[in-house]
Structure formats: structure tokens, C-alpha cells
Amino acid sequence: MKEKINCVIVKEMFEKKRFNADDIRTVFVFLATQAMIHLGELKDPLSGKEEVDPLKAKVFINLLEVLKKKTVNNLTADEANFLNDLLKNLKEILQKKGGR
């Protein structure tokens, strides 16, 4: 899997395969992975290609923003930091790829 995102926690989760249904970060990574596919940061598993579609990526970034708003005061500090870092990275990539 070709991964370019600069989020240390996400890299750790991918490398150690630390995905747990009881960990909200797994949901964040699921959505972020979809955004990364549409940002051309990961190959599309169906087509095998790296394609950039900022509008589709923005849908998944927006879903992460909604989760952030809906989980205020319900996340641990580590979970909140993880989500903030993830969103920051995704937005930076989106901006570089021509999204807003």
C-alpha cells in the first residue's frame, strides 16, 4: 500500500494493523482512507490507479468534520488530537491537489 500522509498515528495503525472496532480512530482512518484514494495518495483498490478527484475527497473530509463536531467532549485527548492532525493533513493535501 502506497501511503503518503504525514500523520504518524495513521502510519502506525497501517504498519501495525492496529484496527479495532472499539476504537473510534478506526472510523476516522476508514473515512480518511477514502479521502486519500480520491486525493491520489493511495491507489484505488478497484481500478489500481491513483486518480485525483477533489470533490469526492471533500465529501469524506466533510464527514470527518461532522464527526469532529458531533463528538466534542466525547473523545479522549489522544482521539481528538488524532482527528485534528488527520484533518489538517487531509486539508493540506486537498489544497495542493486543487480542492478548497
PDB file of N, CA and C in Angstrom:
ATOM      1  N   MET A   1       0.849  -1.174   0.000  1.00  0.00           N
ATOM      2  CA  MET A   1       0.000   0.000   0.000  1.00  0.00           C
ATOM      3  C   MET A   1       0.894   1.236   0.000  1.00  0.00           C
ATOM      4  N   LYS A   2       0.710   2.103  -0.967  1.00  0.00           N
ATOM      5  CA  LYS A   2       1.487   3.327  -1.056  1.00  0.00           C
ATOM      6  C   LYS A   2       0.795   4.393  -0.213  1.00  0.00           C
ATOM      7  N   GLU A   3       1.475   4.869   0.785  1.00  0.00           N
ATOM      8  CA  GLU A   3       0.879   5.820   1.714  1.00  0.00           C
ATOM      9  C   GLU A   3       1.757   7.054   1.792  1.00  0.00           C
ATOM     10  N   LYS A   4       1.171   8.244   1.641  1.00  0.00           N
ATOM     11  CA  LYS A   4       1.944   9.480   1.648  1.00  0.00           C
ATOM     12  C   LYS A   4       1.577  10.414   2.787  1.00  0.00           C
ATOM     13  N   ILE A   5       0.504  10.144   3.482  1.00  0.00           N
ATOM     14  CA  ILE A   5       0.038  11.086   4.501  1.00  0.00           C
ATOM     15  C   ILE A   5       1.064  11.200   5.626  1.00  0.00           C
ATOM     16  N   ASN A   6       1.218  12.390   6.159  1.00  0.00           N
ATOM     17  CA  ASN A   6       2.238  12.669   7.159  1.00  0.00           C
ATOM     18  C   ASN A   6       1.728  12.532   8.592  1.00  0.00           C
ATOM     19  N   CYS A   7       0.703  11.751   8.782  1.00  0.00           N
ATOM     20  CA  CYS A   7       0.158  11.565  10.123  1.00  0.00           C
ATOM     21  C   CYS A   7       0.793  10.329  10.750  1.00  0.00           C
ATOM     22  N   VAL A   8       1.595  10.520  11.778  1.00  0.00           N
ATOM     23  CA  VAL A   8       2.345   9.439  12.408  1.00  0.00           C
ATOM     24  C   VAL A   8       1.400   8.362  12.947  1.00  0.00           C
ATOM     25  N   ILE A   9       0.299   8.765  13.557  1.00  0.00           N
ATOM     26  CA  ILE A   9      -0.619   7.799  14.155  1.00  0.00           C
ATOM     27  C   ILE A   9      -1.241   6.921  13.071  1.00  0.00           C
ATOM     28  N   VAL A  10      -1.623   7.513  11.950  1.00  0.00           N
ATOM     29  CA  VAL A  10      -2.199   6.732  10.862  1.00  0.00           C
ATOM     30  C   VAL A  10      -1.174   5.752  10.323  1.00  0.00           C
ATOM     31  N   LYS A  11       0.047   6.216  10.133  1.00  0.00           N
ATOM     32  CA  LYS A  11       1.105   5.325   9.656  1.00  0.00           C
ATOM     33  C   LYS A  11       1.284   4.147  10.605  1.00  0.00           C
ATOM     34  N   GLU A  12       1.286   4.436  11.907  1.00  0.00           N
ATOM     35  CA  GLU A  12       1.428   3.379  12.903  1.00  0.00           C
ATOM     36  C   GLU A  12       0.299   2.378  12.798  1.00  0.00           C
ATOM     37  N   MET A  13      -0.918   2.872  12.640  1.00  0.00           N
ATOM     38  CA  MET A  13      -2.067   1.973  12.551  1.00  0.00           C
ATOM     39  C   MET A  13      -1.965   1.092  11.312  1.00  0.00           C
ATOM     40  N   PHE A  14      -1.525   1.654  10.195  1.00  0.00           N
ATOM     41  CA  PHE A  14      -1.359   0.868   8.974  1.00  0.00           C
ATOM     42  C   PHE A  14      -0.247  -0.165   9.143  1.00  0.00           C
ATOM     43  N   GLU A  15       0.887   0.265   9.672  1.00  0.00           N
ATOM     44  CA  GLU A  15       2.046  -0.611   9.782  1.00  0.00           C
ATOM     45  C   GLU A  15       1.820  -1.745  10.772  1.00  0.00           C
ATOM     46  N   LYS A  16       1.180  -1.450  11.869  1.00  0.00           N
ATOM     47  CA  LYS A  16       0.970  -2.464  12.903  1.00  0.00           C
ATOM     48  C   LYS A  16      -0.388  -3.147  12.777  1.00  0.00           C
ATOM     49  N   LYS A  17      -1.181  -2.719  11.778  1.00  0.00           N
ATOM     50  CA  LYS A  17      -2.513  -3.275  11.556  1.00  0.00           C
ATOM     51  C   LYS A  17      -3.324  -3.230  12.849  1.00  0.00           C
ATOM     52  N   ARG A  18      -3.280  -2.071  13.495  1.00  0.00           N
ATOM     53  CA  ARG A  18      -3.987  -1.880  14.757  1.00  0.00           C
ATOM     54  C   ARG A  18      -5.374  -1.311  14.507  1.00  0.00           C
ATOM     55  N   PHE A  19      -6.224  -2.091  13.916  1.00  0.00           N
ATOM     56  CA  PHE A  19      -7.592  -1.648  13.669  1.00  0.00           C
ATOM     57  C   PHE A  19      -8.493  -2.409  14.619  1.00  0.00           C
ATOM     58  N   ASN A  20      -9.250  -1.665  15.389  1.00  0.00           N
ATOM     59  CA  ASN A  20     -10.095  -2.252  16.413  1.00  0.00           C
ATOM     60  C   ASN A  20     -11.476  -1.621  16.307  1.00  0.00           C
ATOM     61  N   ALA A  21     -12.500  -2.437  16.242  1.00  0.00           N
ATOM     62  CA  ALA A  21     -13.864  -1.933  16.112  1.00  0.00           C
ATOM     63  C   ALA A  21     -14.287  -1.069  17.302  1.00  0.00           C
ATOM     64  N   ASP A  22     -13.611  -1.226  18.420  1.00  0.00           N
ATOM     65  CA  ASP A  22     -13.943  -0.429  19.607  1.00  0.00           C
ATOM     66  C   ASP A  22     -13.211   0.904  19.654  1.00  0.00           C
ATOM     67  N   ASP A  23     -12.373   1.164  18.681  1.00  0.00           N
ATOM     68  CA  ASP A  23     -11.560   2.385  18.663  1.00  0.00           C
ATOM     69  C   ASP A  23     -12.118   3.330  17.597  1.00  0.00           C
ATOM     70  N   ILE A  24     -12.570   4.491  18.006  1.00  0.00           N
ATOM     71  CA  ILE A  24     -13.156   5.471  17.080  1.00  0.00           C
ATOM     72  C   ILE A  24     -12.169   5.882  15.992  1.00  0.00           C
ATOM     73  N   ARG A  25     -10.882   5.770  16.293  1.00  0.00           N
ATOM     74  CA  ARG A  25      -9.882   6.128  15.291  1.00  0.00           C
ATOM     75  C   ARG A  25      -9.959   5.228  14.061  1.00  0.00           C
ATOM     76  N   THR A  26     -10.460   4.026  14.231  1.00  0.00           N
ATOM     77  CA  THR A  26     -10.656   3.128  13.097  1.00  0.00           C
ATOM     78  C   THR A  26     -11.669   3.729  12.133  1.00  0.00           C
ATOM     79  N   VAL A  27     -12.716   4.340  12.653  1.00  0.00           N
ATOM     80  CA  VAL A  27     -13.713   5.013  11.812  1.00  0.00           C
ATOM     81  C   VAL A  27     -13.062   6.198  11.096  1.00  0.00           C
ATOM     82  N   PHE A  28     -12.261   6.958  11.830  1.00  0.00           N
ATOM     83  CA  PHE A  28     -11.572   8.098  11.228  1.00  0.00           C
ATOM     84  C   PHE A  28     -10.659   7.634  10.085  1.00  0.00           C
ATOM     85  N   VAL A  29      -9.919   6.551  10.316  1.00  0.00           N
ATOM     86  CA  VAL A  29      -8.999   6.034   9.300  1.00  0.00           C
ATOM     87  C   VAL A  29      -9.777   5.521   8.088  1.00  0.00           C
ATOM     88  N   PHE A  30     -10.893   4.873   8.330  1.00  0.00           N
ATOM     89  CA  PHE A  30     -11.730   4.389   7.225  1.00  0.00           C
ATOM     90  C   PHE A  30     -12.128   5.546   6.308  1.00  0.00           C
ATOM     91  N   LEU A  31     -12.623   6.628   6.895  1.00  0.00           N
ATOM     92  CA  LEU A  31     -13.030   7.794   6.097  1.00  0.00           C
ATOM     93  C   LEU A  31     -11.825   8.488   5.472  1.00  0.00           C
ATOM     94  N   ALA A  32     -10.745   8.603   6.220  1.00  0.00           N
ATOM     95  CA  ALA A  32      -9.542   9.251   5.701  1.00  0.00           C
ATOM     96  C   ALA A  32      -8.959   8.456   4.537  1.00  0.00           C
ATOM     97  N   THR A  33      -9.030   7.145   4.612  1.00  0.00           N
ATOM     98  CA  THR A  33      -8.523   6.303   3.528  1.00  0.00           C
ATOM     99  C   THR A  33      -9.283   6.578   2.243  1.00  0.00           C
ATOM    100  N   GLN A  34     -10.584   6.737   2.351  1.00  0.00           N
ATOM    101  CA  GLN A  34     -11.390   7.054   1.167  1.00  0.00           C
ATOM    102  C   GLN A  34     -10.996   8.421   0.608  1.00  0.00           C
ATOM    103  N   ALA A  35     -10.782   9.380   1.498  1.00  0.00           N
ATOM    104  CA  ALA A  35     -10.344  10.707   1.043  1.00  0.00           C
ATOM    105  C   ALA A  35      -8.986  10.606   0.359  1.00  0.00           C
ATOM    106  N   MET A  36      -8.084   9.822   0.941  1.00  0.00           N
ATOM    107  CA  MET A  36      -6.744   9.678   0.384  1.00  0.00           C
ATOM    108  C   MET A  36      -6.777   9.019  -0.995  1.00  0.00           C
ATOM    109  N   ILE A  37      -7.677   8.073  -1.189  1.00  0.00           N
ATOM    110  CA  ILE A  37      -7.831   7.452  -2.510  1.00  0.00           C
ATOM    111  C   ILE A  37      -8.231   8.512  -3.525  1.00  0.00           C
ATOM    112  N   HIS A  38      -9.182   9.351  -3.168  1.00  0.00           N
ATOM    113  CA  HIS A  38      -9.663  10.382  -4.096  1.00  0.00           C
ATOM    114  C   HIS A  38      -8.703  11.564  -4.236  1.00  0.00           C
ATOM    115  N   LEU A  39      -7.726  11.644  -3.344  1.00  0.00           N
ATOM    116  CA  LEU A  39      -6.682  12.663  -3.472  1.00  0.00           C
ATOM    117  C   LEU A  39      -5.477  12.116  -4.239  1.00  0.00           C
ATOM    118  N   GLY A  40      -5.552  10.858  -4.649  1.00  0.00           N
ATOM    119  CA  GLY A  40      -4.454  10.249  -5.383  1.00  0.00           C
ATOM    120  C   GLY A  40      -3.288   9.845  -4.494  1.00  0.00           C
ATOM    121  N   GLU A  41      -3.508   9.826  -3.183  1.00  0.00           N
ATOM    122  CA  GLU A  41      -2.454   9.446  -2.240  1.00  0.00           C
ATOM    123  C   GLU A  41      -2.354   7.934  -2.094  1.00  0.00           C
ATOM    124  N   LEU A  42      -3.418   7.233  -2.391  1.00  0.00           N
ATOM    125  CA  LEU A  42      -3.456   5.773  -2.372  1.00  0.00           C
ATOM    126  C   LEU A  42      -4.081   5.303  -3.677  1.00  0.00           C
ATOM    127  N   LYS A  43      -3.679   4.138  -4.134  1.00  0.00           N
ATOM    128  CA  LYS A  43      -4.291   3.587  -5.341  1.00  0.00           C
ATOM    129  C   LYS A  43      -5.722   3.159  -5.041  1.00  0.00           C
ATOM    130  N   ASP A  44      -6.592   3.390  -6.005  1.00  0.00           N
ATOM    131  CA  ASP A  44      -7.967   2.904  -5.901  1.00  0.00           C
ATOM    132  C   ASP A  44      -7.904   1.379  -5.948  1.00  0.00           C
ATOM    133  N   PRO A  45      -8.447   0.692  -4.949  1.00  0.00           N
ATOM    134  CA  PRO A  45      -8.338  -0.763  -4.932  1.00  0.00           C
ATOM    135  C   PRO A  45      -9.105  -1.436  -6.080  1.00  0.00           C
ATOM    136  N   LEU A  46     -10.083  -0.765  -6.635  1.00  0.00           N
ATOM    137  CA  LEU A  46     -10.844  -1.345  -7.743  1.00  0.00           C
ATOM    138  C   LEU A  46     -10.156  -1.160  -9.085  1.00  0.00           C
ATOM    139  N   SER A  47      -9.654   0.037  -9.341  1.00  0.00           N
ATOM    140  CA  SER A  47      -9.039   0.315 -10.642  1.00  0.00           C
ATOM    141  C   SER A  47      -7.517   0.104 -10.624  1.00  0.00           C
ATOM    142  N   GLY A  48      -6.921   0.144  -9.432  1.00  0.00           N
ATOM    143  CA  GLY A  48      -5.474   0.024  -9.321  1.00  0.00           C
ATOM    144  C   GLY A  48      -4.746   1.297  -9.707  1.00  0.00           C
ATOM    145  N   LYS A  49      -5.482   2.384  -9.930  1.00  0.00           N
ATOM    146  CA  LYS A  49      -4.892   3.640 -10.365  1.00  0.00           C
ATOM    147  C   LYS A  49      -4.914   4.679  -9.246  1.00  0.00           C
ATOM    148  N   GLU A  50      -4.013   5.635  -9.368  1.00  0.00           N
ATOM    149  CA  GLU A  50      -4.029   6.803  -8.491  1.00  0.00           C
ATOM    150  C   GLU A  50      -4.709   7.925  -9.260  1.00  0.00           C
ATOM    151  N   GLU A  51      -5.911   8.269  -8.853  1.00  0.00           N
ATOM    152  CA  GLU A  51      -6.673   9.314  -9.534  1.00  0.00           C
ATOM    153  C   GLU A  51      -7.050  10.400  -8.545  1.00  0.00           C
ATOM    154  N   VAL A  52      -7.045  11.631  -9.017  1.00  0.00           N
ATOM    155  CA  VAL A  52      -7.367  12.767  -8.162  1.00  0.00           C
ATOM    156  C   VAL A  52      -8.762  13.276  -8.496  1.00  0.00           C
ATOM    157  N   ASP A  53      -9.614  13.294  -7.478  1.00  0.00           N
ATOM    158  CA  ASP A  53     -10.969  13.833  -7.600  1.00  0.00           C
ATOM    159  C   ASP A  53     -11.261  14.607  -6.315  1.00  0.00           C
ATOM    160  N   PRO A  54     -10.858  15.894  -6.281  1.00  0.00           N
ATOM    161  CA  PRO A  54     -11.005  16.685  -5.053  1.00  0.00           C
ATOM    162  C   PRO A  54     -12.433  16.761  -4.525  1.00  0.00           C
ATOM    163  N   LEU A  55     -13.417  16.766  -5.398  1.00  0.00           N
ATOM    164  CA  LEU A  55     -14.808  16.846  -4.929  1.00  0.00           C
ATOM    165  C   LEU A  55     -15.198  15.611  -4.131  1.00  0.00           C
ATOM    166  N   LYS A  56     -14.806  14.446  -4.604  1.00  0.00           N
ATOM    167  CA  LYS A  56     -15.107  13.219  -3.861  1.00  0.00           C
ATOM    168  C   LYS A  56     -14.313  13.179  -2.558  1.00  0.00           C
ATOM    169  N   ALA A  57     -13.064  13.615  -2.601  1.00  0.00           N
ATOM    170  CA  ALA A  57     -12.247  13.647  -1.383  1.00  0.00           C
ATOM    171  C   ALA A  57     -12.889  14.554  -0.346  1.00  0.00           C
ATOM    172  N   LYS A  58     -13.416  15.674  -0.801  1.00  0.00           N
ATOM    173  CA  LYS A  58     -14.035  16.663   0.103  1.00  0.00           C
ATOM    174  C   LYS A  58     -15.237  16.065   0.842  1.00  0.00           C
ATOM    175  N   VAL A  59     -15.965  15.164   0.200  1.00  0.00           N
ATOM    176  CA  VAL A  59     -17.103  14.511   0.859  1.00  0.00           C
ATOM    177  C   VAL A  59     -16.632  13.795   2.126  1.00  0.00           C
ATOM    178  N   PHE A  60     -15.544  13.042   2.015  1.00  0.00           N
ATOM    179  CA  PHE A  60     -15.047  12.283   3.159  1.00  0.00           C
ATOM    180  C   PHE A  60     -14.405  13.195   4.213  1.00  0.00           C
ATOM    181  N   ILE A  61     -13.773  14.254   3.770  1.00  0.00           N
ATOM    182  CA  ILE A  61     -13.214  15.233   4.711  1.00  0.00           C
ATOM    183  C   ILE A  61     -14.349  15.921   5.467  1.00  0.00           C
ATOM    184  N   ASN A  62     -15.410  16.245   4.767  1.00  0.00           N
ATOM    185  CA  ASN A  62     -16.576  16.854   5.418  1.00  0.00           C
ATOM    186  C   ASN A  62     -17.209  15.905   6.435  1.00  0.00           C
ATOM    187  N   LEU A  63     -17.253  14.610   6.110  1.00  0.00           N
ATOM    188  CA  LEU A  63     -17.786  13.644   7.068  1.00  0.00           C
ATOM    189  C   LEU A  63     -16.934  13.602   8.335  1.00  0.00           C
ATOM    190  N   LEU A  64     -15.627  13.706   8.183  1.00  0.00           N
ATOM    191  CA  LEU A  64     -14.750  13.770   9.353  1.00  0.00           C
ATOM    192  C   LEU A  64     -15.000  15.036  10.162  1.00  0.00           C
ATOM    193  N   GLU A  65     -15.257  16.140   9.469  1.00  0.00           N
ATOM    194  CA  GLU A  65     -15.582  17.403  10.162  1.00  0.00           C
ATOM    195  C   GLU A  65     -16.885  17.258  10.954  1.00  0.00           C
ATOM    196  N   VAL A  66     -17.866  16.591  10.382  1.00  0.00           N
ATOM    197  CA  VAL A  66     -19.136  16.366  11.080  1.00  0.00           C
ATOM    198  C   VAL A  66     -18.894  15.521  12.328  1.00  0.00           C
ATOM    199  N   LEU A  67     -18.118  14.473  12.188  1.00  0.00           N
ATOM    200  CA  LEU A  67     -17.787  13.645  13.360  1.00  0.00           C
ATOM    201  C   LEU A  67     -17.076  14.455  14.431  1.00  0.00           C
ATOM    202  N   LYS A  68     -16.198  15.338  14.003  1.00  0.00           N
ATOM    203  CA  LYS A  68     -15.485  16.185  14.964  1.00  0.00           C
ATOM    204  C   LYS A  68     -16.481  17.036  15.753  1.00  0.00           C
ATOM    205  N   LYS A  69     -17.424  17.648  15.057  1.00  0.00           N
ATOM    206  CA  LYS A  69     -18.420  18.495  15.729  1.00  0.00           C
ATOM    207  C   LYS A  69     -19.330  17.682  16.636  1.00  0.00           C
ATOM    208  N   LYS A  70     -19.718  16.494  16.178  1.00  0.00           N
ATOM    209  CA  LYS A  70     -20.674  15.682  16.937  1.00  0.00           C
ATOM    210  C   LYS A  70     -20.044  14.969  18.130  1.00  0.00           C
ATOM    211  N   THR A  71     -18.728  14.906  18.161  1.00  0.00           N
ATOM    212  CA  THR A  71     -18.059  14.191  19.257  1.00  0.00           C
ATOM    213  C   THR A  71     -17.324  15.117  20.217  1.00  0.00           C
ATOM    214  N   VAL A  72     -17.587  16.409  20.128  1.00  0.00           N
ATOM    215  CA  VAL A  72     -16.941  17.358  21.045  1.00  0.00           C
ATOM    216  C   VAL A  72     -17.204  16.916  22.482  1.00  0.00           C
ATOM    217  N   ASN A  73     -16.152  16.888  23.285  1.00  0.00           N
ATOM    218  CA  ASN A  73     -16.190  16.488  24.695  1.00  0.00           C
ATOM    219  C   ASN A  73     -16.497  15.005  24.898  1.00  0.00           C
ATOM    220  N   ASN A  74     -16.501  14.227  23.829  1.00  0.00           N
ATOM    221  CA  ASN A  74     -16.731  12.786  23.962  1.00  0.00           C
ATOM    222  C   ASN A  74     -15.543  11.959  23.494  1.00  0.00           C
ATOM    223  N   LEU A  75     -14.471  12.619  23.094  1.00  0.00           N
ATOM    224  CA  LEU A  75     -13.261  11.920  22.671  1.00  0.00           C
ATOM    225  C   LEU A  75     -12.183  12.092  23.730  1.00  0.00           C
ATOM    226  N   THR A  76     -11.293  11.118  23.801  1.00  0.00           N
ATOM    227  CA  THR A  76     -10.131  11.295  24.668  1.00  0.00           C
ATOM    228  C   THR A  76      -9.225  12.336  24.011  1.00  0.00           C
ATOM    229  N   ALA A  77      -8.261  12.817  24.753  1.00  0.00           N
ATOM    230  CA  ALA A  77      -7.320  13.800  24.198  1.00  0.00           C
ATOM    231  C   ALA A  77      -6.567  13.193  23.011  1.00  0.00           C
ATOM    232  N   ASP A  78      -6.161  11.933  23.131  1.00  0.00           N
ATOM    233  CA  ASP A  78      -5.454  11.270  22.024  1.00  0.00           C
ATOM    234  C   ASP A  78      -6.337  11.156  20.783  1.00  0.00           C
ATOM    235  N   GLU A  79      -7.591  10.798  20.964  1.00  0.00           N
ATOM    236  CA  GLU A  79      -8.519  10.670  19.832  1.00  0.00           C
ATOM    237  C   GLU A  79      -8.764  12.018  19.172  1.00  0.00           C
ATOM    238  N   ALA A  80      -8.956  13.054  19.978  1.00  0.00           N
ATOM    239  CA  ALA A  80      -9.195  14.396  19.441  1.00  0.00           C
ATOM    240  C   ALA A  80      -7.965  14.895  18.684  1.00  0.00           C
ATOM    241  N   ASN A  81      -6.786  14.686  19.258  1.00  0.00           N
ATOM    242  CA  ASN A  81      -5.545  15.092  18.585  1.00  0.00           C
ATOM    243  C   ASN A  81      -5.360  14.327  17.278  1.00  0.00           C
ATOM    244  N   PHE A  82      -5.665  13.051  17.297  1.00  0.00           N
ATOM    245  CA  PHE A  82      -5.573  12.221  16.103  1.00  0.00           C
ATOM    246  C   PHE A  82      -6.468  12.781  15.003  1.00  0.00           C
ATOM    247  N   LEU A  83      -7.728  13.078  15.347  1.00  0.00           N
ATOM    248  CA  LEU A  83      -8.669  13.603  14.362  1.00  0.00           C
ATOM    249  C   LEU A  83      -8.230  14.974  13.852  1.00  0.00           C
ATOM    250  N   ASN A  84      -7.785  15.836  14.740  1.00  0.00           N
ATOM    251  CA  ASN A  84      -7.321  17.162  14.319  1.00  0.00           C
ATOM    252  C   ASN A  84      -6.122  17.061  13.381  1.00  0.00           C
ATOM    253  N   ASP A  85      -5.178  16.199  13.718  1.00  0.00           N
ATOM    254  CA  ASP A  85      -3.988  16.004  12.894  1.00  0.00           C
ATOM    255  C   ASP A  85      -4.374  15.431  11.526  1.00  0.00           C
ATOM    256  N   LEU A  86      -5.257  14.485  11.543  1.00  0.00           N
ATOM    257  CA  LEU A  86      -5.725  13.852  10.308  1.00  0.00           C
ATOM    258  C   LEU A  86      -6.396  14.876   9.397  1.00  0.00           C
ATOM    259  N   LEU A  87      -7.297  15.666   9.951  1.00  0.00           N
ATOM    260  CA  LEU A  87      -7.985  16.691   9.158  1.00  0.00           C
ATOM    261  C   LEU A  87      -7.011  17.728   8.606  1.00  0.00           C
ATOM    262  N   LYS A  88      -6.063  18.139   9.429  1.00  0.00           N
ATOM    263  CA  LYS A  88      -5.068  19.114   8.975  1.00  0.00           C
ATOM    264  C   LYS A  88      -4.306  18.574   7.772  1.00  0.00           C
ATOM    265  N   ASN A  89      -3.835  17.340   7.876  1.00  0.00           N
ATOM    266  CA  ASN A  89      -3.091  16.715   6.789  1.00  0.00           C
ATOM    267  C   ASN A  89      -3.938  16.574   5.534  1.00  0.00           C
ATOM    268  N   LEU A  90      -5.149  16.092   5.686  1.00  0.00           N
ATOM    269  CA  LEU A  90      -6.024  15.904   4.523  1.00  0.00           C
ATOM    270  C   LEU A  90      -6.346  17.229   3.840  1.00  0.00           C
ATOM    271  N   LYS A  91      -6.581  18.257   4.638  1.00  0.00           N
ATOM    272  CA  LYS A  91      -6.883  19.574   4.056  1.00  0.00           C
ATOM    273  C   LYS A  91      -5.683  20.159   3.317  1.00  0.00           C
ATOM    274  N   GLU A  92      -4.493  19.941   3.856  1.00  0.00           N
ATOM    275  CA  GLU A  92      -3.280  20.407   3.176  1.00  0.00           C
ATOM    276  C   GLU A  92      -3.121  19.709   1.826  1.00  0.00           C
ATOM    277  N   ILE A  93      -3.338  18.420   1.821  1.00  0.00           N
ATOM    278  CA  ILE A  93      -3.229  17.650   0.574  1.00  0.00           C
ATOM    279  C   ILE A  93      -4.312  18.099  -0.404  1.00  0.00           C
ATOM    280  N   LEU A  94      -5.523  18.284   0.093  1.00  0.00           N
ATOM    281  CA  LEU A  94      -6.635  18.723  -0.751  1.00  0.00           C
ATOM    282  C   LEU A  94      -6.305  20.066  -1.415  1.00  0.00           C
ATOM    283  N   GLN A  95      -5.775  20.987  -0.637  1.00  0.00           N
ATOM    284  CA  GLN A  95      -5.421  22.296  -1.171  1.00  0.00           C
ATOM    285  C   GLN A  95      -4.347  22.183  -2.265  1.00  0.00           C
ATOM    286  N   LYS A  96      -3.371  21.331  -2.035  1.00  0.00           N
ATOM    287  CA  LYS A  96      -2.308  21.129  -3.025  1.00  0.00           C
ATOM    288  C   LYS A  96      -2.832  20.485  -4.307  1.00  0.00           C
ATOM    289  N   LYS A  97      -3.899  19.701  -4.177  1.00  0.00           N
ATOM    290  CA  LYS A  97      -4.442  18.976  -5.315  1.00  0.00           C
ATOM    291  C   LYS A  97      -5.558  19.763  -6.021  1.00  0.00           C
ATOM    292  N   GLY A  98      -5.763  21.006  -5.619  1.00  0.00           N
ATOM    293  CA  GLY A  98      -6.721  21.860  -6.323  1.00  0.00           C
ATOM    294  C   GLY A  98      -8.096  21.927  -5.695  1.00  0.00           C
ATOM    295  N   GLY A  99      -8.256  21.377  -4.510  1.00  0.00           N
ATOM    296  CA  GLY A  99      -9.550  21.469  -3.815  1.00  0.00           C
ATOM    297  C   GLY A  99      -9.575  22.680  -2.921  1.00  0.00           C
ATOM    298  N   ARG A 100     -10.708  22.918  -2.340  1.00  0.00           N
ATOM    299  CA  ARG A 100     -10.850  24.084  -1.435  1.00  0.00           C
ATOM    300  C   ARG A 100     -11.299  23.687  -0.087  1.00  0.00           C
TER     301      ARG A 100
END
